[in-house]
Amino acid sequence: MKTTKWLTAGGLAIALVVPGAVLAADAVAFNKTDANGDSMISMDELVSNPELHAQFRTLDRDGNGTLDRAEFERGLANATSTRAREAG
């Protein structure tokens, strides 16, 4: 489980992110995107996330026309690392 821990030293605050917080955030994003509550995300449900919507066919590894939680979280991780590379 990733959580955020704050360390302070000499008046500076440093955030350490531990794995569970990211997993919790991914679960919240999945549940929010899964509008009909069927534990799968359709292409129509991804309209609110243009970045993942554009990658839908690539992310749908089993080709069943929906994203399960693992496929969705893989897409979020890829999008996050792409943004980090572009910013850095």
C-alpha atoms as a PDB file:
ATOM      1  CA  MET A   1       0.000   0.000   0.000  1.00  0.00           C
ATOM      2  CA  LYS A   2       1.416   3.383  -1.024  1.00  0.00           C
ATOM      3  CA  THR A   3       0.998   6.323   1.298  1.00  0.00           C
ATOM      4  CA  THR A   4       2.518   9.774   1.452  1.00  0.00           C
ATOM      5  CA  LYS A   5       4.868  10.411   4.337  1.00  0.00           C
ATOM      6  CA  TRP A   6       6.180  13.876   5.099  1.00  0.00           C
ATOM      7  CA  LEU A   7       9.689  14.420   6.426  1.00  0.00           C
ATOM      8  CA  THR A   8      10.824  17.787   7.663  1.00  0.00           C
ATOM      9  CA  ALA A   9      14.430  18.879   7.948  1.00  0.00           C
ATOM     10  CA  GLY A  10      15.704  22.400   8.411  1.00  0.00           C
ATOM     11  CA  GLY A  11      12.311  23.871   7.612  1.00  0.00           C
ATOM     12  CA  LEU A  12      11.968  21.907   4.363  1.00  0.00           C
ATOM     13  CA  ALA A  13       9.157  19.440   3.872  1.00  0.00           C
ATOM     14  CA  ILE A  14       9.809  16.436   1.671  1.00  0.00           C
ATOM     15  CA  ALA A  15       7.035  14.133   0.505  1.00  0.00           C
ATOM     16  CA  LEU A  16       7.820  10.460   0.166  1.00  0.00           C
ATOM     17  CA  VAL A  17       5.289   8.494  -1.801  1.00  0.00           C
ATOM     18  CA  VAL A  18       4.896   4.888  -0.829  1.00  0.00           C
ATOM     19  CA  PRO A  19       3.035   2.432  -3.204  1.00  0.00           C
ATOM     20  CA  GLY A  20      -0.434   2.117  -1.551  1.00  0.00           C
ATOM     21  CA  ALA A  21      -1.536   5.719  -2.153  1.00  0.00           C
ATOM     22  CA  VAL A  22      -1.068   5.321  -5.892  1.00  0.00           C
ATOM     23  CA  LEU A  23      -3.027   2.087  -5.825  1.00  0.00           C
ATOM     24  CA  ALA A  24      -5.812   3.776  -3.895  1.00  0.00           C
ATOM     25  CA  ALA A  25      -5.839   6.697  -6.339  1.00  0.00           C
ATOM     26  CA  ASP A  26      -5.947   4.257  -9.271  1.00  0.00           C
ATOM     27  CA  ALA A  27      -8.885   2.432  -7.667  1.00  0.00           C
ATOM     28  CA  VAL A  28     -10.753   5.711  -7.181  1.00  0.00           C
ATOM     29  CA  ALA A  29     -10.076   6.692 -10.809  1.00  0.00           C
ATOM     30  CA  PHE A  30     -11.231   3.262 -12.018  1.00  0.00           C
ATOM     31  CA  ASN A  31     -14.437   3.365  -9.977  1.00  0.00           C
ATOM     32  CA  LYS A  32     -15.185   6.934 -11.073  1.00  0.00           C
ATOM     33  CA  THR A  33     -14.635   6.048 -14.747  1.00  0.00           C
ATOM     34  CA  ASP A  34     -16.694   2.839 -14.503  1.00  0.00           C
ATOM     35  CA  ALA A  35     -19.987   4.722 -14.866  1.00  0.00           C
ATOM     36  CA  ASN A  36     -22.241   1.650 -15.003  1.00  0.00           C
ATOM     37  CA  GLY A  37     -20.468  -0.196 -12.159  1.00  0.00           C
ATOM     38  CA  ASP A  38     -19.807  -3.422 -14.092  1.00  0.00           C
ATOM     39  CA  SER A  39     -16.099  -3.528 -13.083  1.00  0.00           C
ATOM     40  CA  MET A  40     -15.099  -3.022 -16.713  1.00  0.00           C
ATOM     41  CA  ILE A  41     -14.466   0.197 -18.613  1.00  0.00           C
ATOM     42  CA  SER A  42     -15.844   0.570 -22.107  1.00  0.00           C
ATOM     43  CA  MET A  43     -14.548   2.956 -24.738  1.00  0.00           C
ATOM     44  CA  ASP A  44     -17.652   5.116 -24.147  1.00  0.00           C
ATOM     45  CA  GLU A  45     -16.810   5.403 -20.434  1.00  0.00           C
ATOM     46  CA  LEU A  46     -13.327   6.698 -21.319  1.00  0.00           C
ATOM     47  CA  VAL A  47     -14.626   9.782 -23.134  1.00  0.00           C
ATOM     48  CA  SER A  48     -13.693  11.790 -20.027  1.00  0.00           C
ATOM     49  CA  ASN A  49     -10.042  10.712 -20.400  1.00  0.00           C
ATOM     50  CA  PRO A  50      -8.924  11.541 -23.960  1.00  0.00           C
ATOM     51  CA  GLU A  51      -5.388  10.225 -23.373  1.00  0.00           C
ATOM     52  CA  LEU A  52      -6.573   6.725 -22.392  1.00  0.00           C
ATOM     53  CA  HIS A  53      -9.440   6.837 -24.899  1.00  0.00           C
ATOM     54  CA  ALA A  54      -6.908   7.281 -27.717  1.00  0.00           C
ATOM     55  CA  GLN A  55      -4.948   4.228 -26.475  1.00  0.00           C
ATOM     56  CA  PHE A  56      -7.980   2.022 -25.818  1.00  0.00           C
ATOM     57  CA  ARG A  57      -7.210  -0.702 -28.377  1.00  0.00           C
ATOM     58  CA  THR A  58      -3.595  -0.941 -27.206  1.00  0.00           C
ATOM     59  CA  LEU A  59      -4.591  -1.099 -23.533  1.00  0.00           C
ATOM     60  CA  ASP A  60      -7.279  -3.739 -24.156  1.00  0.00           C
ATOM     61  CA  ARG A  61      -4.748  -6.571 -24.124  1.00  0.00           C
ATOM     62  CA  ASP A  62      -7.274  -9.401 -24.161  1.00  0.00           C
ATOM     63  CA  GLY A  63      -9.253  -7.780 -26.986  1.00  0.00           C
ATOM     64  CA  ASN A  64     -12.642  -8.115 -25.281  1.00  0.00           C
ATOM     65  CA  GLY A  65     -13.666  -4.502 -25.942  1.00  0.00           C
ATOM     66  CA  THR A  66     -13.382  -3.394 -22.309  1.00  0.00           C
ATOM     67  CA  LEU A  67     -10.613  -2.568 -19.872  1.00  0.00           C
ATOM     68  CA  ASP A  68     -10.383  -4.461 -16.627  1.00  0.00           C
ATOM     69  CA  ARG A  69      -8.752  -2.865 -13.580  1.00  0.00           C
ATOM     70  CA  ALA A  70      -5.233  -4.090 -14.474  1.00  0.00           C
ATOM     71  CA  GLU A  71      -5.463  -2.830 -18.060  1.00  0.00           C
ATOM     72  CA  PHE A  72      -6.798   0.531 -16.871  1.00  0.00           C
ATOM     73  CA  GLU A  73      -4.097   0.919 -14.207  1.00  0.00           C
ATOM     74  CA  ARG A  74      -1.413   0.023 -16.758  1.00  0.00           C
ATOM     75  CA  GLY A  75      -2.753   2.831 -18.953  1.00  0.00           C
ATOM     76  CA  LEU A  76      -2.681   5.306 -16.057  1.00  0.00           C
ATOM     77  CA  ALA A  77       0.903   4.329 -15.235  1.00  0.00           C
ATOM     78  CA  ASN A  78       1.963   4.765 -18.865  1.00  0.00           C
ATOM     79  CA  ALA A  79       0.249   8.160 -19.082  1.00  0.00           C
ATOM     80  CA  THR A  80       1.870   9.319 -15.840  1.00  0.00           C
ATOM     81  CA  SER A  81       5.371   8.273 -16.911  1.00  0.00           C
ATOM     82  CA  THR A  82       4.882   9.929 -20.324  1.00  0.00           C
ATOM     83  CA  ARG A  83       3.877  13.202 -18.661  1.00  0.00           C
ATOM     84  CA  ALA A  84       6.854  12.997 -16.303  1.00  0.00           C
ATOM     85  CA  ARG A  85       9.278  12.499 -19.210  1.00  0.00           C
ATOM     86  CA  GLU A  86       7.737  15.418 -21.117  1.00  0.00           C
ATOM     87  CA  ALA A  87       7.963  17.696 -18.061  1.00  0.00           C
ATOM     88  CA  GLY A  88      11.506  16.714 -17.143  1.00  0.00           C
END
